[in-house]
PDB file of N, CA and C in Angstrom:
ATOM      1  N   MET A   1      32.007  -5.938  10.345  1.00  0.00           N
ATOM      2  CA  MET A   1      32.487  -5.337   8.647  1.00  0.00           C
ATOM      3  C   MET A   1      30.793  -5.369   8.381  1.00  0.00           C
ATOM      4  N   LEU A   2      30.825  -4.441   7.406  1.00  0.00           N
ATOM      5  CA  LEU A   2      29.454  -5.101   6.496  1.00  0.00           C
ATOM      6  C   LEU A   2      30.036  -5.410   4.896  1.00  0.00           C
ATOM      7  N   ASP A   3      28.957  -6.202   4.719  1.00  0.00           N
ATOM      8  CA  ASP A   3      28.975  -6.699   3.338  1.00  0.00           C
ATOM      9  C   ASP A   3      28.816  -5.629   2.315  1.00  0.00           C
ATOM     10  N   LYS A   4      29.560  -6.199   1.203  1.00  0.00           N
ATOM     11  CA  LYS A   4      29.914  -5.173  -0.032  1.00  0.00           C
ATOM     12  C   LYS A   4      28.085  -5.193  -0.809  1.00  0.00           C
ATOM     13  N   THR A   5      27.242  -6.133  -0.504  1.00  0.00           N
ATOM     14  CA  THR A   5      25.773  -5.798  -1.148  1.00  0.00           C
ATOM     15  C   THR A   5      25.137  -5.961  -0.146  1.00  0.00           C
ATOM     16  N   PHE A   6      23.649  -5.425   0.016  1.00  0.00           N
ATOM     17  CA  PHE A   6      22.712  -5.836   0.650  1.00  0.00           C
ATOM     18  C   PHE A   6      21.836  -6.508   0.978  1.00  0.00           C
ATOM     19  N   THR A   7      21.742  -8.164   0.981  1.00  0.00           N
ATOM     20  CA  THR A   7      20.411  -9.040   0.758  1.00  0.00           C
ATOM     21  C   THR A   7      19.492  -8.810   1.448  1.00  0.00           C
ATOM     22  N   PRO A   8      18.082  -8.043   1.013  1.00  0.00           N
ATOM     23  CA  PRO A   8      17.279  -8.133   2.253  1.00  0.00           C
ATOM     24  C   PRO A   8      16.517  -8.964   2.353  1.00  0.00           C
ATOM     25  N   SER A   9      16.471 -10.053   1.602  1.00  0.00           N
ATOM     26  CA  SER A   9      16.022 -11.643   1.859  1.00  0.00           C
ATOM     27  C   SER A   9      16.191 -12.220   3.382  1.00  0.00           C
ATOM     28  N   GLU A  10      17.443 -11.980   3.695  1.00  0.00           N
ATOM     29  CA  GLU A  10      18.349 -12.224   5.254  1.00  0.00           C
ATOM     30  C   GLU A  10      17.351 -11.908   6.133  1.00  0.00           C
ATOM     31  N   MET A  11      16.315 -10.853   6.034  1.00  0.00           N
ATOM     32  CA  MET A  11      15.754 -10.342   7.302  1.00  0.00           C
ATOM     33  C   MET A  11      14.758  -9.739   7.359  1.00  0.00           C
ATOM     34  N   GLU A  12      13.816 -10.215   5.872  1.00  0.00           N
ATOM     35  CA  GLU A  12      12.652  -9.409   5.431  1.00  0.00           C
ATOM     36  C   GLU A  12      11.629 -10.467   5.542  1.00  0.00           C
ATOM     37  N   ALA A  13      11.734 -11.920   5.792  1.00  0.00           N
ATOM     38  CA  ALA A  13      10.791 -12.780   6.798  1.00  0.00           C
ATOM     39  C   ALA A  13      10.389 -12.959   8.222  1.00  0.00           C
ATOM     40  N   ARG A  14      11.517 -12.320   8.674  1.00  0.00           N
ATOM     41  CA  ARG A  14      11.712 -12.296  10.537  1.00  0.00           C
ATOM     42  C   ARG A  14      11.090 -10.845  10.269  1.00  0.00           C
ATOM     43  N   LEU A  15      11.071  -9.837   9.719  1.00  0.00           N
ATOM     44  CA  LEU A  15      10.604  -8.687  10.205  1.00  0.00           C
ATOM     45  C   LEU A  15       9.371  -8.713   9.627  1.00  0.00           C
ATOM     46  N   TYR A  16       8.619  -8.849   8.338  1.00  0.00           N
ATOM     47  CA  TYR A  16       7.291  -9.253   7.924  1.00  0.00           C
ATOM     48  C   TYR A  16       6.561  -9.885   8.808  1.00  0.00           C
ATOM     49  N   ALA A  17       6.847 -11.271   9.712  1.00  0.00           N
ATOM     50  CA  ALA A  17       6.387 -11.786  10.710  1.00  0.00           C
ATOM     51  C   ALA A  17       5.845 -11.466  11.865  1.00  0.00           C
ATOM     52  N   GLU A  18       7.233 -10.245  12.017  1.00  0.00           N
ATOM     53  CA  GLU A  18       6.516  -9.627  13.718  1.00  0.00           C
ATOM     54  C   GLU A  18       6.083  -8.242  13.096  1.00  0.00           C
ATOM     55  N   TRP A  19       5.560  -7.822  12.127  1.00  0.00           N
ATOM     56  CA  TRP A  19       4.800  -6.835  11.353  1.00  0.00           C
ATOM     57  C   TRP A  19       3.635  -7.475  11.721  1.00  0.00           C
ATOM     58  N   GLU A  20       3.302  -8.287  11.079  1.00  0.00           N
ATOM     59  CA  GLU A  20       2.141  -9.580  11.048  1.00  0.00           C
ATOM     60  C   GLU A  20       1.601  -9.377  12.640  1.00  0.00           C
ATOM     61  N   ARG A  21       2.460 -10.117  13.072  1.00  0.00           N
ATOM     62  CA  ARG A  21       1.719 -10.408  14.535  1.00  0.00           C
ATOM     63  C   ARG A  21       1.631  -9.408  15.518  1.00  0.00           C
ATOM     64  N   ARG A  22       2.426  -8.403  14.868  1.00  0.00           N
ATOM     65  CA  ARG A  22       2.016  -6.870  15.996  1.00  0.00           C
ATOM     66  C   ARG A  22       0.516  -6.031  15.191  1.00  0.00           C
ATOM     67  N   GLY A  23       0.283  -6.591  14.224  1.00  0.00           N
ATOM     68  CA  GLY A  23      -0.830  -6.111  13.571  1.00  0.00           C
ATOM     69  C   GLY A  23      -0.878  -4.856  12.955  1.00  0.00           C
ATOM     70  N   PHE A  24       0.313  -4.544  12.295  1.00  0.00           N
ATOM     71  CA  PHE A  24       0.327  -3.073  11.383  1.00  0.00           C
ATOM     72  C   PHE A  24      -0.056  -2.959  10.458  1.00  0.00           C
ATOM     73  N   PHE A  25      -0.499  -4.071   9.949  1.00  0.00           N
ATOM     74  CA  PHE A  25      -1.176  -4.133   8.388  1.00  0.00           C
ATOM     75  C   PHE A  25      -2.614  -3.689   8.871  1.00  0.00           C
ATOM     76  N   LYS A  26      -3.205  -3.759  10.012  1.00  0.00           N
ATOM     77  CA  LYS A  26      -4.518  -4.001  10.273  1.00  0.00           C
ATOM     78  C   LYS A  26      -5.167  -2.412  10.576  1.00  0.00           C
ATOM     79  N   PRO A  27      -6.329  -1.684  10.043  1.00  0.00           N
ATOM     80  CA  PRO A  27      -6.749  -0.513  10.714  1.00  0.00           C
ATOM     81  C   PRO A  27      -7.349  -0.681  11.809  1.00  0.00           C
ATOM     82  N   GLY A  28      -7.443   0.222  12.329  1.00  0.00           N
ATOM     83  CA  GLY A  28      -7.995   0.535  13.442  1.00  0.00           C
ATOM     84  C   GLY A  28      -7.387  -0.181  14.651  1.00  0.00           C
ATOM     85  N   ARG A  29      -6.561  -0.150  14.614  1.00  0.00           N
ATOM     86  CA  ARG A  29      -5.216   0.013  15.923  1.00  0.00           C
ATOM     87  C   ARG A  29      -5.193   1.178  16.277  1.00  0.00           C
ATOM     88  N   HIS A  30      -5.933   2.507  16.411  1.00  0.00           N
ATOM     89  CA  HIS A  30      -5.971   3.443  17.206  1.00  0.00           C
ATOM     90  C   HIS A  30      -7.530   3.859  16.829  1.00  0.00           C
ATOM     91  N   PRO A  31      -8.126   3.329  17.804  1.00  0.00           N
ATOM     92  CA  PRO A  31      -9.542   3.712  17.373  1.00  0.00           C
ATOM     93  C   PRO A  31     -10.180   4.999  17.299  1.00  0.00           C
ATOM     94  N   LYS A  32      -9.277   6.005  18.047  1.00  0.00           N
ATOM     95  CA  LYS A  32     -10.020   7.453  18.645  1.00  0.00           C
ATOM     96  C   LYS A  32      -9.115   8.194  17.417  1.00  0.00           C
ATOM     97  N   ALA A  33      -8.082   7.652  17.008  1.00  0.00           N
ATOM     98  CA  ALA A  33      -7.570   9.104  15.832  1.00  0.00           C
ATOM     99  C   ALA A  33      -8.708   8.840  14.310  1.00  0.00           C
ATOM    100  N   GLN A  34      -8.422   9.818  13.638  1.00  0.00           N
ATOM    101  CA  GLN A  34      -8.746  10.071  12.633  1.00  0.00           C
ATOM    102  C   GLN A  34      -8.597   8.789  11.044  1.00  0.00           C
ATOM    103  N   ALA A  35      -9.803   8.831  10.669  1.00  0.00           N
ATOM    104  CA  ALA A  35      -9.438   7.565   9.731  1.00  0.00           C
ATOM    105  C   ALA A  35      -8.771   8.445   8.227  1.00  0.00           C
ATOM    106  N   PHE A  36      -8.005   7.740   7.301  1.00  0.00           N
ATOM    107  CA  PHE A  36      -7.845   8.251   6.227  1.00  0.00           C
ATOM    108  C   PHE A  36      -7.728   7.000   5.670  1.00  0.00           C
ATOM    109  N   THR A  37      -8.369   6.939   4.220  1.00  0.00           N
ATOM    110  CA  THR A  37      -8.151   5.446   3.294  1.00  0.00           C
ATOM    111  C   THR A  37      -8.312   6.049   1.964  1.00  0.00           C
ATOM    112  N   ILE A  38      -7.699   5.373   1.116  1.00  0.00           N
ATOM    113  CA  ILE A  38      -7.059   5.227  -0.232  1.00  0.00           C
ATOM    114  C   ILE A  38      -7.466   3.774  -0.843  1.00  0.00           C
ATOM    115  N   VAL A  39      -8.153   4.318  -1.525  1.00  0.00           N
ATOM    116  CA  VAL A  39      -9.046   2.650  -2.632  1.00  0.00           C
ATOM    117  C   VAL A  39      -7.770   2.634  -3.649  1.00  0.00           C
ATOM    118  N   ILE A  40      -7.155   1.669  -3.515  1.00  0.00           N
ATOM    119  CA  ILE A  40      -6.603   1.509  -5.214  1.00  0.00           C
ATOM    120  C   ILE A  40      -7.269   0.947  -6.337  1.00  0.00           C
ATOM    121  N   PRO A  41      -7.320   1.703  -7.324  1.00  0.00           N
ATOM    122  CA  PRO A  41      -8.101   1.122  -8.250  1.00  0.00           C
ATOM    123  C   PRO A  41      -6.873   0.370  -9.088  1.00  0.00           C
ATOM    124  N   PRO A  42      -7.271  -0.993  -9.606  1.00  0.00           N
ATOM    125  CA  PRO A  42      -6.450  -1.840 -10.725  1.00  0.00           C
ATOM    126  C   PRO A  42      -6.439  -1.063 -11.784  1.00  0.00           C
ATOM    127  N   PRO A  43      -5.323  -1.197 -12.504  1.00  0.00           N
ATOM    128  CA  PRO A  43      -5.244  -0.832 -13.893  1.00  0.00           C
ATOM    129  C   PRO A  43      -6.497  -0.853 -14.643  1.00  0.00           C
ATOM    130  N   ASN A  44      -6.532  -0.056 -15.685  1.00  0.00           N
ATOM    131  CA  ASN A  44      -7.547  -0.695 -16.591  1.00  0.00           C
ATOM    132  C   ASN A  44      -7.294  -1.469 -18.001  1.00  0.00           C
ATOM    133  N   VAL A  45      -8.492  -2.804 -18.169  1.00  0.00           N
ATOM    134  CA  VAL A  45      -7.781  -3.295 -18.925  1.00  0.00           C
ATOM    135  C   VAL A  45      -7.673  -3.190 -20.251  1.00  0.00           C
ATOM    136  N   THR A  46      -7.735  -2.203 -21.221  1.00  0.00           N
ATOM    137  CA  THR A  46      -7.633  -1.293 -22.190  1.00  0.00           C
ATOM    138  C   THR A  46      -6.410  -1.403 -22.927  1.00  0.00           C
ATOM    139  N   GLY A  47      -5.149  -1.254 -21.957  1.00  0.00           N
ATOM    140  CA  GLY A  47      -3.603  -1.114 -22.715  1.00  0.00           C
ATOM    141  C   GLY A  47      -3.246  -1.728 -21.576  1.00  0.00           C
ATOM    142  N   SER A  48      -1.419  -1.544 -22.153  1.00  0.00           N
ATOM    143  CA  SER A  48      -0.833  -1.859 -20.988  1.00  0.00           C
ATOM    144  C   SER A  48      -0.140  -0.808 -20.156  1.00  0.00           C
ATOM    145  N   LEU A  49       0.547  -1.425 -18.991  1.00  0.00           N
ATOM    146  CA  LEU A  49       1.345  -0.512 -17.798  1.00  0.00           C
ATOM    147  C   LEU A  49       2.055   0.201 -18.528  1.00  0.00           C
ATOM    148  N   HIS A  50       1.981   1.365 -17.539  1.00  0.00           N
ATOM    149  CA  HIS A  50       3.019   2.557 -17.923  1.00  0.00           C
ATOM    150  C   HIS A  50       3.446   3.572 -16.827  1.00  0.00           C
ATOM    151  N   MET A  51       4.154   4.651 -17.383  1.00  0.00           N
ATOM    152  CA  MET A  51       4.623   5.111 -15.874  1.00  0.00           C
ATOM    153  C   MET A  51       3.850   5.684 -15.094  1.00  0.00           C
ATOM    154  N   GLY A  52       2.116   5.998 -15.969  1.00  0.00           N
ATOM    155  CA  GLY A  52       1.241   7.007 -15.242  1.00  0.00           C
ATOM    156  C   GLY A  52       0.881   6.028 -13.890  1.00  0.00           C
ATOM    157  N   HIS A  53       0.822   5.083 -13.755  1.00  0.00           N
ATOM    158  CA  HIS A  53       0.392   3.554 -12.902  1.00  0.00           C
ATOM    159  C   HIS A  53       1.687   3.670 -11.846  1.00  0.00           C
ATOM    160  N   ALA A  54       2.352   3.757 -12.275  1.00  0.00           N
ATOM    161  CA  ALA A  54       3.501   3.900 -11.261  1.00  0.00           C
ATOM    162  C   ALA A  54       3.547   4.905 -10.233  1.00  0.00           C
ATOM    163  N   LEU A  55       3.256   6.249 -11.280  1.00  0.00           N
ATOM    164  CA  LEU A  55       3.281   7.857 -10.421  1.00  0.00           C
ATOM    165  C   LEU A  55       2.330   7.335  -9.226  1.00  0.00           C
ATOM    166  N   ASN A  56       0.924   6.838  -9.955  1.00  0.00           N
ATOM    167  CA  ASN A  56      -0.230   7.179  -9.188  1.00  0.00           C
ATOM    168  C   ASN A  56       0.012   6.188  -8.107  1.00  0.00           C
ATOM    169  N   ASN A  57       0.698   4.811  -8.096  1.00  0.00           N
ATOM    170  CA  ASN A  57       0.899   4.176  -6.473  1.00  0.00           C
ATOM    171  C   ASN A  57       2.033   4.737  -6.065  1.00  0.00           C
ATOM    172  N   THR A  58       2.962   5.191  -6.523  1.00  0.00           N
ATOM    173  CA  THR A  58       3.836   5.649  -5.615  1.00  0.00           C
ATOM    174  C   THR A  58       3.475   7.018  -4.674  1.00  0.00           C
ATOM    175  N   ILE A  59       2.379   8.242  -5.404  1.00  0.00           N
ATOM    176  CA  ILE A  59       2.113   8.784  -4.527  1.00  0.00           C
ATOM    177  C   ILE A  59       1.096   8.661  -3.902  1.00  0.00           C
ATOM    178  N   GLN A  60       0.065   7.471  -3.931  1.00  0.00           N
ATOM    179  CA  GLN A  60      -0.709   7.086  -2.683  1.00  0.00           C
ATOM    180  C   GLN A  60       0.427   6.068  -1.452  1.00  0.00           C
ATOM    181  N   ASP A  61       1.505   6.089  -1.716  1.00  0.00           N
ATOM    182  CA  ASP A  61       2.009   5.465  -0.890  1.00  0.00           C
ATOM    183  C   ASP A  61       2.750   6.464  -0.084  1.00  0.00           C
ATOM    184  N   ILE A  62       3.012   7.502  -0.655  1.00  0.00           N
ATOM    185  CA  ILE A  62       3.282   8.541  -0.078  1.00  0.00           C
ATOM    186  C   ILE A  62       2.357   8.773   1.661  1.00  0.00           C
ATOM    187  N   LEU A  63       1.307   9.111   0.477  1.00  0.00           N
ATOM    188  CA  LEU A  63      -0.397   9.614   1.090  1.00  0.00           C
ATOM    189  C   LEU A  63      -0.375   8.692   2.342  1.00  0.00           C
ATOM    190  N   VAL A  64      -0.048   7.676   2.195  1.00  0.00           N
ATOM    191  CA  VAL A  64      -0.760   6.634   3.332  1.00  0.00           C
ATOM    192  C   VAL A  64       0.348   6.672   4.370  1.00  0.00           C
ATOM    193  N   ARG A  65       2.130   6.590   4.002  1.00  0.00           N
ATOM    194  CA  ARG A  65       3.146   6.866   4.955  1.00  0.00           C
ATOM    195  C   ARG A  65       2.815   7.889   5.743  1.00  0.00           C
ATOM    196  N   GLN A  66       2.983   8.950   4.682  1.00  0.00           N
ATOM    197  CA  GLN A  66       2.580  10.255   5.689  1.00  0.00           C
ATOM    198  C   GLN A  66       1.843  10.435   6.842  1.00  0.00           C
ATOM    199  N   HIS A  67       0.485   9.766   6.183  1.00  0.00           N
ATOM    200  CA  HIS A  67      -1.016   9.907   7.687  1.00  0.00           C
ATOM    201  C   HIS A  67      -0.825   9.192   8.653  1.00  0.00           C
ATOM    202  N   ARG A  68       0.192   7.474   7.851  1.00  0.00           N
ATOM    203  CA  ARG A  68       0.398   7.028   9.657  1.00  0.00           C
ATOM    204  C   ARG A  68       1.334   7.701  10.113  1.00  0.00           C
ATOM    205  N   MET A  69       2.517   8.590   9.467  1.00  0.00           N
ATOM    206  CA  MET A  69       3.429   9.001  11.028  1.00  0.00           C
ATOM    207  C   MET A  69       2.573   9.888  11.245  1.00  0.00           C
ATOM    208  N   ARG A  70       1.900  10.528  10.842  1.00  0.00           N
ATOM    209  CA  ARG A  70       0.950  12.066  11.901  1.00  0.00           C
ATOM    210  C   ARG A  70       0.200  11.153  12.642  1.00  0.00           C
ATOM    211  N   GLY A  71      -0.397   9.753  12.326  1.00  0.00           N
ATOM    212  CA  GLY A  71      -1.277   9.150  13.619  1.00  0.00           C
ATOM    213  C   GLY A  71      -2.353   8.966  13.121  1.00  0.00           C
ATOM    214  N   TYR A  72      -2.848   9.249  12.042  1.00  0.00           N
ATOM    215  CA  TYR A  72      -4.457   8.753  11.540  1.00  0.00           C
ATOM    216  C   TYR A  72      -4.271   7.094  11.246  1.00  0.00           C
ATOM    217  N   ASP A  73      -5.649   6.668  11.608  1.00  0.00           N
ATOM    218  CA  ASP A  73      -5.515   5.363  11.507  1.00  0.00           C
ATOM    219  C   ASP A  73      -5.862   4.853   9.664  1.00  0.00           C
ATOM    220  N   VAL A  74      -4.643   4.423   9.132  1.00  0.00           N
ATOM    221  CA  VAL A  74      -4.876   4.548   7.682  1.00  0.00           C
ATOM    222  C   VAL A  74      -5.490   3.077   7.424  1.00  0.00           C
ATOM    223  N   LEU A  75      -5.883   2.953   6.505  1.00  0.00           N
ATOM    224  CA  LEU A  75      -6.678   1.946   5.200  1.00  0.00           C
ATOM    225  C   LEU A  75      -5.796   2.325   3.917  1.00  0.00           C
ATOM    226  N   TRP A  76      -5.350   1.333   3.204  1.00  0.00           N
ATOM    227  CA  TRP A  76      -4.863   1.338   1.713  1.00  0.00           C
ATOM    228  C   TRP A  76      -5.467   0.260   1.463  1.00  0.00           C
ATOM    229  N   GLN A  77      -6.805   0.127   0.611  1.00  0.00           N
ATOM    230  CA  GLN A  77      -7.534  -0.849   0.409  1.00  0.00           C
ATOM    231  C   GLN A  77      -7.295  -0.860  -1.412  1.00  0.00           C
ATOM    232  N   PRO A  78      -6.972  -2.577  -1.170  1.00  0.00           N
ATOM    233  CA  PRO A  78      -7.198  -2.764  -2.858  1.00  0.00           C
ATOM    234  C   PRO A  78      -8.721  -2.440  -3.305  1.00  0.00           C
ATOM    235  N   GLY A  79      -9.058  -2.188  -4.597  1.00  0.00           N
ATOM    236  CA  GLY A  79     -10.383  -2.186  -5.249  1.00  0.00           C
ATOM    237  C   GLY A  79     -10.445  -3.313  -6.158  1.00  0.00           C
ATOM    238  N   THR A  80     -12.143  -2.723  -6.605  1.00  0.00           N
ATOM    239  CA  THR A  80     -12.396  -3.386  -7.911  1.00  0.00           C
ATOM    240  C   THR A  80     -12.342  -2.797  -9.244  1.00  0.00           C
ATOM    241  N   ASP A  81     -12.683  -3.208  -9.986  1.00  0.00           N
ATOM    242  CA  ASP A  81     -12.527  -2.101 -11.443  1.00  0.00           C
ATOM    243  C   ASP A  81     -13.648  -0.946 -10.916  1.00  0.00           C
ATOM    244  N   HIS A  82     -12.788   0.733 -11.250  1.00  0.00           N
ATOM    245  CA  HIS A  82     -13.216   1.426 -10.994  1.00  0.00           C
ATOM    246  C   HIS A  82     -14.133   2.452 -12.062  1.00  0.00           C
ATOM    247  N   ALA A  83     -13.777   1.749 -13.403  1.00  0.00           N
ATOM    248  CA  ALA A  83     -14.514   2.782 -14.208  1.00  0.00           C
ATOM    249  C   ALA A  83     -15.542   1.649 -14.903  1.00  0.00           C
ATOM    250  N   GLY A  84     -15.646   0.262 -14.757  1.00  0.00           N
ATOM    251  CA  GLY A  84     -16.300  -0.777 -15.689  1.00  0.00           C
ATOM    252  C   GLY A  84     -16.527  -1.030 -17.233  1.00  0.00           C
ATOM    253  N   ILE A  85     -14.989  -0.551 -17.050  1.00  0.00           N
ATOM    254  CA  ILE A  85     -14.636  -0.563 -19.189  1.00  0.00           C
ATOM    255  C   ILE A  85     -14.616  -1.947 -19.031  1.00  0.00           C
ATOM    256  N   ALA A  86     -14.031  -2.917 -18.025  1.00  0.00           N
ATOM    257  CA  ALA A  86     -14.358  -4.550 -18.847  1.00  0.00           C
ATOM    258  C   ALA A  86     -15.597  -4.823 -19.023  1.00  0.00           C
ATOM    259  N   THR A  87     -17.160  -4.282 -18.801  1.00  0.00           N
ATOM    260  CA  THR A  87     -18.049  -4.764 -19.164  1.00  0.00           C
ATOM    261  C   THR A  87     -18.930  -3.755 -19.897  1.00  0.00           C
ATOM    262  N   GLN A  88     -18.190  -3.151 -20.521  1.00  0.00           N
ATOM    263  CA  GLN A  88     -18.746  -2.343 -21.208  1.00  0.00           C
ATOM    264  C   GLN A  88     -18.743  -2.965 -22.603  1.00  0.00           C
ATOM    265  N   MET A  89     -19.625  -2.279 -23.645  1.00  0.00           N
ATOM    266  CA  MET A  89     -19.828  -3.240 -25.287  1.00  0.00           C
ATOM    267  C   MET A  89     -19.292  -2.088 -26.069  1.00  0.00           C
TER     268      MET A  89
END
């Protein structure tokens, strides 16, 4: 019988450890596959987070998952400040 609520923490640690052990988060697992890379820019320091940030990350997530399922060698790389706004005066 299924519980009324799903508690992901009961299986997350075990599954995540298995994914790490098998190298699922590392690029280069399929050296002959075409590469697909997206750099994740951090949000600008000029304001608060908003729905546009969530939309941008969601679109990136969809593209990364789609390309991974299509056999591409995918890297979703966190980046650094993409606009230099924090250093401008």
